[in-house]
Every structure is written in C-alpha cells, then in structure tokens.
C-alpha atoms as a PDB file:
ATOM      1  CA  MET A   1      76.575  63.932  72.686  1.00  0.00           C
ATOM      2  CA  TRP A   2      77.574  65.812  69.522  1.00  0.00           C
ATOM      3  CA  ILE A   3      78.108  63.829  66.384  1.00  0.00           C
ATOM      4  CA  SER A   4      79.199  64.853  62.914  1.00  0.00           C
ATOM      5  CA  ARG A   5      77.111  64.979  59.864  1.00  0.00           C
ATOM      6  CA  ARG A   6      79.311  62.109  58.453  1.00  0.00           C
ATOM      7  CA  THR A   7      77.957  59.885  61.537  1.00  0.00           C
ATOM      8  CA  ASP A   8      74.635  61.102  61.121  1.00  0.00           C
ATOM      9  CA  TYR A   9      74.404  59.958  57.628  1.00  0.00           C
ATOM     10  CA  ALA A  10      76.049  56.773  58.330  1.00  0.00           C
ATOM     11  CA  THR A  11      73.495  55.830  61.220  1.00  0.00           C
ATOM     12  CA  ARG A  12      70.583  56.775  58.493  1.00  0.00           C
ATOM     13  CA  ALA A  13      72.186  54.708  55.703  1.00  0.00           C
ATOM     14  CA  VAL A  14      72.425  51.709  58.239  1.00  0.00           C
ATOM     15  CA  LEU A  15      68.768  52.184  59.236  1.00  0.00           C
ATOM     16  CA  ALA A  16      67.769  52.492  55.726  1.00  0.00           C
ATOM     17  CA  LEU A  17      69.408  49.189  54.785  1.00  0.00           C
ATOM     18  CA  ALA A  18      67.876  47.559  58.078  1.00  0.00           C
ATOM     19  CA  ILE A  19      64.472  48.460  56.980  1.00  0.00           C
ATOM     20  CA  SER A  20      64.668  47.676  53.469  1.00  0.00           C
ATOM     21  CA  ASN A  21      66.360  44.181  54.204  1.00  0.00           C
ATOM     22  CA  SER A  22      67.514  44.195  50.856  1.00  0.00           C
ATOM     23  CA  VAL A  23      70.529  45.331  48.532  1.00  0.00           C
ATOM     24  CA  LEU A  24      70.505  49.194  48.007  1.00  0.00           C
ATOM     25  CA  ASN A  25      72.910  51.098  45.807  1.00  0.00           C
ATOM     26  CA  SER A  26      74.623  54.188  46.837  1.00  0.00           C
ATOM     27  CA  GLN A  27      72.220  56.169  44.637  1.00  0.00           C
ATOM     28  CA  ALA A  28      69.195  54.994  46.210  1.00  0.00           C
ATOM     29  CA  LEU A  29      70.899  55.279  49.838  1.00  0.00           C
ATOM     30  CA  ALA A  30      71.800  58.915  48.951  1.00  0.00           C
ATOM     31  CA  GLU A  31      68.217  59.785  47.993  1.00  0.00           C
ATOM     32  CA  ARG A  32      66.999  58.061  51.226  1.00  0.00           C
ATOM     33  CA  VAL A  33      69.342  59.959  53.466  1.00  0.00           C
ATOM     34  CA  ARG A  34      69.134  63.090  51.092  1.00  0.00           C
ATOM     35  CA  VAL A  35      72.999  63.445  50.800  1.00  0.00           C
ATOM     36  CA  PRO A  36      74.943  63.491  47.484  1.00  0.00           C
ATOM     37  CA  GLU A  37      75.828  60.198  46.013  1.00  0.00           C
ATOM     38  CA  SER A  38      79.458  60.962  46.081  1.00  0.00           C
ATOM     39  CA  PHE A  39      79.568  61.435  49.665  1.00  0.00           C
ATOM     40  CA  MET A  40      77.203  58.604  50.263  1.00  0.00           C
ATOM     41  CA  LYS A  41      79.780  56.455  48.491  1.00  0.00           C
ATOM     42  CA  GLN A  42      82.715  57.482  51.077  1.00  0.00           C
ATOM     43  CA  ILE A  43      80.525  56.635  53.961  1.00  0.00           C
ATOM     44  CA  MET A  44      79.387  53.280  52.534  1.00  0.00           C
ATOM     45  CA  MET A  45      83.372  52.355  51.823  1.00  0.00           C
ATOM     46  CA  ARG A  46      84.057  53.101  55.453  1.00  0.00           C
ATOM     47  CA  LEU A  47      81.151  51.040  56.608  1.00  0.00           C
ATOM     48  CA  ARG A  48      82.310  48.132  54.377  1.00  0.00           C
ATOM     49  CA  ASP A  49      85.855  48.706  55.627  1.00  0.00           C
ATOM     50  CA  ALA A  50      84.520  48.155  59.035  1.00  0.00           C
ATOM     51  CA  GLY A  51      82.579  45.012  58.391  1.00  0.00           C
ATOM     52  CA  VAL A  52      79.078  46.716  58.965  1.00  0.00           C
ATOM     53  CA  VAL A  53      77.996  46.066  55.449  1.00  0.00           C
ATOM     54  CA  ARG A  54      79.136  44.202  52.360  1.00  0.00           C
ATOM     55  CA  SER A  55      78.945  45.119  48.790  1.00  0.00           C
ATOM     56  CA  VAL A  56      77.271  43.120  46.228  1.00  0.00           C
ATOM     57  CA  ARG A  57      78.476  43.212  42.578  1.00  0.00           C
ATOM     58  CA  GLY A  58      76.428  42.914  39.392  1.00  0.00           C
ATOM     59  CA  PRO A  59      73.614  45.001  37.774  1.00  0.00           C
ATOM     60  CA  SER A  60      71.392  44.907  40.896  1.00  0.00           C
ATOM     61  CA  GLY A  61      74.449  45.359  43.015  1.00  0.00           C
ATOM     62  CA  GLY A  62      74.973  47.757  45.999  1.00  0.00           C
ATOM     63  CA  TYR A  63      75.256  47.309  49.611  1.00  0.00           C
ATOM     64  CA  ARG A  64      73.663  45.361  52.295  1.00  0.00           C
ATOM     65  CA  LEU A  65      73.939  44.585  56.075  1.00  0.00           C
ATOM     66  CA  ASN A  66      76.643  42.165  56.880  1.00  0.00           C
ATOM     67  CA  HIS A  67      75.026  41.167  59.997  1.00  0.00           C
ATOM     68  CA  ALA A  68      71.490  40.859  61.491  1.00  0.00           C
ATOM     69  CA  PRO A  69      70.040  44.478  62.313  1.00  0.00           C
ATOM     70  CA  SER A  70      69.804  43.177  65.979  1.00  0.00           C
ATOM     71  CA  GLU A  71      73.675  42.491  66.122  1.00  0.00           C
ATOM     72  CA  ILE A  72      74.496  46.187  64.807  1.00  0.00           C
ATOM     73  CA  THR A  73      74.404  48.887  67.555  1.00  0.00           C
ATOM     74  CA  LEU A  74      74.411  52.549  67.182  1.00  0.00           C
ATOM     75  CA  GLY A  75      77.440  52.695  69.271  1.00  0.00           C
ATOM     76  CA  ARG A  76      79.334  50.455  66.823  1.00  0.00           C
ATOM     77  CA  VAL A  77      78.488  53.059  64.030  1.00  0.00           C
ATOM     78  CA  VAL A  78      79.194  56.203  65.999  1.00  0.00           C
ATOM     79  CA  ARG A  79      82.685  54.580  67.029  1.00  0.00           C
ATOM     80  CA  ILE A  80      83.536  54.158  63.269  1.00  0.00           C
ATOM     81  CA  PHE A  81      83.342  57.876  62.597  1.00  0.00           C
ATOM     82  CA  GLU A  82      83.878  59.279  65.969  1.00  0.00           C
ATOM     83  CA  GLY A  83      86.725  57.224  67.303  1.00  0.00           C
ATOM     84  CA  GLN A  84      88.237  58.231  70.685  1.00  0.00           C
ATOM     85  CA  LEU A  85      85.236  60.813  71.513  1.00  0.00           C
ATOM     86  CA  ALA A  86      82.858  58.148  71.535  1.00  0.00           C
ATOM     87  CA  ARG A  87      84.932  55.659  73.475  1.00  0.00           C
ATOM     88  CA  ALA A  88      85.941  58.468  76.023  1.00  0.00           C
ATOM     89  CA  GLU A  89      82.274  59.135  76.685  1.00  0.00           C
ATOM     90  CA  GLU A  90      81.509  55.620  77.041  1.00  0.00           C
ATOM     91  CA  GLU A  91      84.377  55.334  79.463  1.00  0.00           C
ATOM     92  CA  ALA A  92      83.169  58.428  81.398  1.00  0.00           C
ATOM     93  CA  ALA A  93      79.660  56.930  81.483  1.00  0.00           C
ATOM     94  CA  ARG A  94      81.169  53.460  82.808  1.00  0.00           C
ATOM     95  CA  LEU A  95      83.160  55.438  85.584  1.00  0.00           C
ATOM     96  CA  ALA A  96      80.160  57.316  86.472  1.00  0.00           C
ATOM     97  CA  ARG A  97      78.087  54.231  86.997  1.00  0.00           C
ATOM     98  CA  LYS A  98      81.074  52.744  89.049  1.00  0.00           C
ATOM     99  CA  GLU A  99      81.299  55.891  91.188  1.00  0.00           C
ATOM    100  CA  GLU A 100      77.602  55.469  91.888  1.00  0.00           C
ATOM    101  CA  LEU A 101      77.950  51.987  92.801  1.00  0.00           C
ATOM    102  CA  LEU A 102      80.898  52.708  95.025  1.00  0.00           C
ATOM    103  CA  ALA A 103      78.895  55.679  96.574  1.00  0.00           C
ATOM    104  CA  GLY A 104      76.262  53.028  97.447  1.00  0.00           C
ATOM    105  CA  GLU A 105      78.704  50.524  99.021  1.00  0.00           C
ATOM    106  CA  ARG A 106      80.321  53.589 100.883  1.00  0.00           C
ATOM    107  CA  ARG A 107      76.661  54.438 102.232  1.00  0.00           C
ATOM    108  CA  ARG A 108      76.058  50.848 103.325  1.00  0.00           C
ATOM    109  CA  ALA A 109      79.773  50.511 104.910  1.00  0.00           C
ATOM    110  CA  GLU A 110      78.999  53.743 106.966  1.00  0.00           C
ATOM    111  CA  GLU A 111      75.517  52.533 107.990  1.00  0.00           C
ATOM    112  CA  GLU A 112      77.505  49.490 109.107  1.00  0.00           C
ATOM    113  CA  ILE A 113      80.083  51.271 111.111  1.00  0.00           C
ATOM    114  CA  ALA A 114      77.186  53.315 112.792  1.00  0.00           C
ATOM    115  CA  ARG A 115      75.357  50.202 113.877  1.00  0.00           C
ATOM    116  CA  LEU A 116      78.523  48.667 115.235  1.00  0.00           C
ATOM    117  CA  GLU A 117      79.358  51.855 117.092  1.00  0.00           C
ATOM    118  CA  ALA A 118      75.621  51.765 118.667  1.00  0.00           C
ATOM    119  CA  ARG A 119      76.228  48.150 119.611  1.00  0.00           C
ATOM    120  CA  GLN A 120      79.664  49.002 120.930  1.00  0.00           C
ATOM    121  CA  ALA A 121      78.111  51.907 123.236  1.00  0.00           C
ATOM    122  CA  GLU A 122      75.235  49.474 124.412  1.00  0.00           C
ATOM    123  CA  ALA A 123      77.855  46.797 125.455  1.00  0.00           C
ATOM    124  CA  ARG A 124      80.015  49.417 127.314  1.00  0.00           C
ATOM    125  CA  GLU A 125      76.561  50.378 129.127  1.00  0.00           C
ATOM    126  CA  SER A 126      75.951  46.992 130.024  1.00  0.00           C
ATOM    127  CA  ILE A 127      79.407  46.449 131.215  1.00  0.00           C
ATOM    128  CA  ALA A 128      79.213  49.769 133.396  1.00  0.00           C
ATOM    129  CA  ALA A 129      75.848  48.380 134.747  1.00  0.00           C
ATOM    130  CA  LEU A 130      77.240  44.970 135.402  1.00  0.00           C
ATOM    131  CA  GLU A 131      80.292  46.480 137.226  1.00  0.00           C
ATOM    132  CA  ALA A 132      78.014  48.984 139.378  1.00  0.00           C
ATOM    133  CA  ARG A 133      75.918  45.859 140.454  1.00  0.00           C
ATOM    134  CA  GLN A 134      78.870  43.884 141.204  1.00  0.00           C
ATOM    135  CA  ALA A 135      80.279  46.815 143.318  1.00  0.00           C
ATOM    136  CA  GLU A 136      77.055  46.830 145.293  1.00  0.00           C
ATOM    137  CA  ALA A 137      77.421  42.981 145.632  1.00  0.00           C
ATOM    138  CA  ASP A 138      80.857  43.285 146.944  1.00  0.00           C
ATOM    139  CA  VAL A 139      79.681  45.777 149.373  1.00  0.00           C
ATOM    140  CA  ARG A 140      76.845  43.320 150.635  1.00  0.00           C
ATOM    141  CA  PHE A 141      79.400  40.481 150.877  1.00  0.00           C
ATOM    142  CA  ASN A 142      81.626  42.401 153.025  1.00  0.00           C
ATOM    143  CA  ASP A 143      78.904  43.554 155.374  1.00  0.00           C
ATOM    144  CA  ALA A 144      77.517  39.946 155.633  1.00  0.00           C
ATOM    145  CA  GLN A 145      81.203  38.880 156.501  1.00  0.00           C
ATOM    146  CA  ARG A 146      81.533  41.534 159.075  1.00  0.00           C
ATOM    147  CA  ARG A 147      78.194  40.694 160.620  1.00  0.00           C
ATOM    148  CA  LEU A 148      79.279  36.956 160.661  1.00  0.00           C
ATOM    149  CA  PHE A 149      82.503  37.991 162.479  1.00  0.00           C
ATOM    150  CA  GLU A 150      80.658  39.979 165.067  1.00  0.00           C
ATOM    151  CA  ALA A 151      78.336  37.098 165.453  1.00  0.00           C
ATOM    152  CA  ARG A 152      81.069  34.521 165.977  1.00  0.00           C
ATOM    153  CA  GLU A 153      82.479  36.982 168.519  1.00  0.00           C
ATOM    154  CA  ARG A 154      79.309  37.383 170.494  1.00  0.00           C
ATOM    155  CA  ILE A 155      79.036  33.600 170.431  1.00  0.00           C
ATOM    156  CA  ASP A 156      82.381  33.327 171.726  1.00  0.00           C
ATOM    157  CA  GLY A 157      81.721  35.812 174.604  1.00  0.00           C
ATOM    158  CA  LEU A 158      78.543  34.295 175.389  1.00  0.00           C
ATOM    159  CA  SER A 159      80.202  30.957 175.963  1.00  0.00           C
ATOM    160  CA  ALA A 160      82.819  32.302 178.019  1.00  0.00           C
ATOM    161  CA  ARG A 161      80.179  34.035 180.238  1.00  0.00           C
ATOM    162  CA  ALA A 162      78.005  30.633 180.249  1.00  0.00           C
ATOM    163  CA  ALA A 163      81.295  28.779 181.458  1.00  0.00           C
ATOM    164  CA  GLU A 164      81.961  31.437 184.247  1.00  0.00           C
ATOM    165  CA  ALA A 165      78.168  31.021 185.243  1.00  0.00           C
ATOM    166  CA  ARG A 166      78.611  27.325 185.723  1.00  0.00           C
ATOM    167  CA  ALA A 167      81.813  27.565 187.554  1.00  0.00           C
ATOM    168  CA  THR A 168      80.731  30.727 189.997  1.00  0.00           C
ATOM    169  CA  HIS A 169      77.234  29.890 191.097  1.00  0.00           C
ATOM    170  CA  ALA A 170      74.838  26.796 190.791  1.00  0.00           C
ATOM    171  CA  ALA A 171      72.004  29.000 190.721  1.00  0.00           C
ATOM    172  CA  LEU A 172      73.241  30.530 187.453  1.00  0.00           C
ATOM    173  CA  VAL A 173      72.284  27.101 185.735  1.00  0.00           C
ATOM    174  CA  GLU A 174      69.005  28.565 184.790  1.00  0.00           C
ATOM    175  CA  ARG A 175      70.736  31.669 183.440  1.00  0.00           C
ATOM    176  CA  GLU A 176      73.264  29.207 181.808  1.00  0.00           C
ATOM    177  CA  ALA A 177      70.436  27.579 179.933  1.00  0.00           C
ATOM    178  CA  ALA A 178      69.016  30.946 178.771  1.00  0.00           C
ATOM    179  CA  LEU A 179      72.247  31.901 177.660  1.00  0.00           C
ATOM    180  CA  GLY A 180      72.797  28.519 175.845  1.00  0.00           C
ATOM    181  CA  ALA A 181      69.442  29.026 174.039  1.00  0.00           C
ATOM    182  CA  GLU A 182      70.661  32.469 172.930  1.00  0.00           C
ATOM    183  CA  VAL A 183      73.846  30.967 171.526  1.00  0.00           C
ATOM    184  CA  GLY A 184      71.632  28.521 169.642  1.00  0.00           C
ATOM    185  CA  ARG A 185      69.468  31.196 168.193  1.00  0.00           C
ATOM    186  CA  LEU A 186      72.706  33.181 167.345  1.00  0.00           C
ATOM    187  CA  GLU A 187      74.430  30.169 165.788  1.00  0.00           C
ATOM    188  CA  GLU A 188      71.269  29.903 163.672  1.00  0.00           C
ATOM    189  CA  GLN A 189      71.552  33.405 162.554  1.00  0.00           C
ATOM    190  CA  ALA A 190      75.134  32.708 161.709  1.00  0.00           C
ATOM    191  CA  ARG A 191      74.074  29.929 159.599  1.00  0.00           C
ATOM    192  CA  GLU A 192      71.412  32.109 157.871  1.00  0.00           C
ATOM    193  CA  ILE A 193      74.184  34.518 157.257  1.00  0.00           C
ATOM    194  CA  GLU A 194      76.429  32.267 156.073  1.00  0.00           C
ATOM    195  CA  ALA A 195      73.993  30.924 153.536  1.00  0.00           C
ATOM    196  CA  ARG A 196      73.466  34.350 152.436  1.00  0.00           C
ATOM    197  CA  VAL A 197      77.202  34.683 151.990  1.00  0.00           C
ATOM    198  CA  ASP A 198      77.265  31.814 149.966  1.00  0.00           C
ATOM    199  CA  ALA A 199      74.161  32.908 147.594  1.00  0.00           C
ATOM    200  CA  LEU A 200      76.011  36.380 147.300  1.00  0.00           C
ATOM    201  CA  GLY A 201      79.462  34.284 146.324  1.00  0.00           C
ATOM    202  CA  ALA A 202      77.349  32.452 143.740  1.00  0.00           C
ATOM    203  CA  GLU A 203      75.665  35.554 142.347  1.00  0.00           C
ATOM    204  CA  ARG A 204      79.167  37.301 142.173  1.00  0.00           C
ATOM    205  CA  THR A 205      80.276  34.434 140.063  1.00  0.00           C
ATOM    206  CA  GLN A 206      77.441  34.422 137.701  1.00  0.00           C
ATOM    207  CA  LYS A 207      77.890  38.159 137.033  1.00  0.00           C
ATOM    208  CA  ALA A 208      81.702  37.657 136.558  1.00  0.00           C
ATOM    209  CA  ALA A 209      80.836  35.110 133.733  1.00  0.00           C
ATOM    210  CA  ALA A 210      78.263  37.440 132.452  1.00  0.00           C
ATOM    211  CA  ARG A 211      80.973  40.276 132.239  1.00  0.00           C
ATOM    212  CA  GLU A 212      83.421  38.030 130.617  1.00  0.00           C
ATOM    213  CA  ALA A 213      80.484  37.124 128.012  1.00  0.00           C
ATOM    214  CA  LEU A 214      79.777  40.888 127.477  1.00  0.00           C
ATOM    215  CA  GLU A 215      83.757  41.660 126.975  1.00  0.00           C
ATOM    216  CA  THR A 216      83.894  38.819 124.375  1.00  0.00           C
ATOM    217  CA  GLU A 217      80.888  40.186 122.250  1.00  0.00           C
ATOM    218  CA  THR A 218      82.429  43.801 122.722  1.00  0.00           C
ATOM    219  CA  ALA A 219      85.736  42.437 121.308  1.00  0.00           C
ATOM    220  CA  GLU A 220      83.853  40.867 118.603  1.00  0.00           C
ATOM    221  CA  ALA A 221      81.845  44.018 117.620  1.00  0.00           C
ATOM    222  CA  VAL A 222      85.150  46.108 117.598  1.00  0.00           C
ATOM    223  CA  ALA A 223      86.789  43.574 115.370  1.00  0.00           C
ATOM    224  CA  ARG A 224      83.833  43.871 112.789  1.00  0.00           C
ATOM    225  CA  LEU A 225      84.094  47.712 113.278  1.00  0.00           C
ATOM    226  CA  ASP A 226      87.588  47.528 112.211  1.00  0.00           C
ATOM    227  CA  ALA A 227      86.928  45.285 109.244  1.00  0.00           C
ATOM    228  CA  ALA A 228      84.215  47.524 108.210  1.00  0.00           C
ATOM    229  CA  VAL A 229      86.469  50.650 108.491  1.00  0.00           C
ATOM    230  CA  ALA A 230      89.374  48.854 106.547  1.00  0.00           C
ATOM    231  CA  ALA A 231      86.496  47.987 103.850  1.00  0.00           C
ATOM    232  CA  LEU A 232      85.716  51.549 103.551  1.00  0.00           C
ATOM    233  CA  ASP A 233      89.129  52.631 103.349  1.00  0.00           C
ATOM    234  CA  GLY A 234      89.590  50.041 100.666  1.00  0.00           C
ATOM    235  CA  LEU A 235      86.652  51.429  98.599  1.00  0.00           C
ATOM    236  CA  ARG A 236      87.827  55.083  99.083  1.00  0.00           C
ATOM    237  CA  ALA A 237      91.061  54.088  97.842  1.00  0.00           C
ATOM    238  CA  ASP A 238      89.478  52.453  94.703  1.00  0.00           C
ATOM    239  CA  VAL A 239      87.491  55.530  94.070  1.00  0.00           C
ATOM    240  CA  GLN A 240      90.539  57.932  94.390  1.00  0.00           C
END
C-alpha cells in the first residue's frame, strides 16, 4: 500500500509519543521525525482533532497520546490522512478473505455432492442386483409351480389307473399296491416342492422389503443431494 509523506510522518510522531510516554512539543517531535516544525504542527493538529493525541498547555506543554499505545492502531492513523483509499483497501482485503471462505465452502459442497452421487450410484447398483436376483427367484418359483402342477397331474393319472386296475382284475391288486406306493412317493415329492415354493415365497417377500429399504435410502440420498446443490447455488449467488 502506498502512503503519503504526511501519513508517514504522522505514524512516526505517534510512535515517538508512545516510546517517550511523556509530553513532547512540536519542536521535539519535528526533530525526532526529521521534518520542519511548521509541517509537524499541521500534522499534530490533525491528530488532535481526530482524538489520537491531546494538547497540554503550559511552559512544558506539548502533545501526548490520548489513549494507551495498545489501543491506537496503525490503520486508524492511516485512515485519518488517507481516507477512502485505506478503507477501500481494507474492504478489498475483507472481500478477498470472504471469497476465500466461500471458495472453501464451495469445495466442501462439491465434495459432499460427489459423495452423495457416489452413494446414489451404489444404491442404484444394489437395486439392479436385487432386481436381477428377484427375477431369478421368480423364474425358480414359476418352475416349481409348473413341476407341482405336473406332479399333481401325474398323481391324478396314477389314481385313475389304480382305480381301473381294481375294477378290471383282481390280479392287479399287487400292482395297485405298487402304484399306491408310487403315489405316496409322488405326494411326498409334492409336499417337498410345496415347501420349497413356500420358502421361495418367503425369500421373495424379504427381497421386496430390502428393495423398499434401498429405495427409501436412495430417496433420502437424492434429497440430501438436492439440498447440497441448493446450498452450492446459494453460495454462488452470494459470491456473485
């Protein structure tokens, strides 16, 4: 930052008063700052009007700081003599810091969006895998139903043949017994198939519940993604 000679001399005069911690007249200050006394008087009047220093009357009078040295900042002295230039540069620095903070927020928002998008992609892959497994289960279920129907048809046919055997010839009693045993075996198979069908139905129900849970999680992830995008848009709007 460029400052005028007047500002430079004023900061030196304030520093001299802070170091001496006593009353100094304009001549003593001019000697320490190495500037004409008339010029120093103008500077000290400006500092007095701004409340940085106060004048002390009497033979040993002069000027002294109006506040503790720790309470007087360099920026305050510069603003007295530089005015809008100093305030503009301070505002530019403040805006730069704010822009840096906003850039950090933007990066974090973009990272959150990327994370949510990755989770959404994983959820979609999980749903696709579940749908594929459900399709396979449907195929097995339909095949089991077909086999059950065929087994029942075979049972009906065997029962009819056994009835015919009883009616037509007594010698077929032994064969009828054998056919009855076959019917029992087929019925056992039918029960096993029915048990498998019930198990497949239960598995299908569980997969449907898991699919609903994944769809719910996906909806929540999409909602968080939309919120993050909205926050990012808000941050971009603030920067603009």
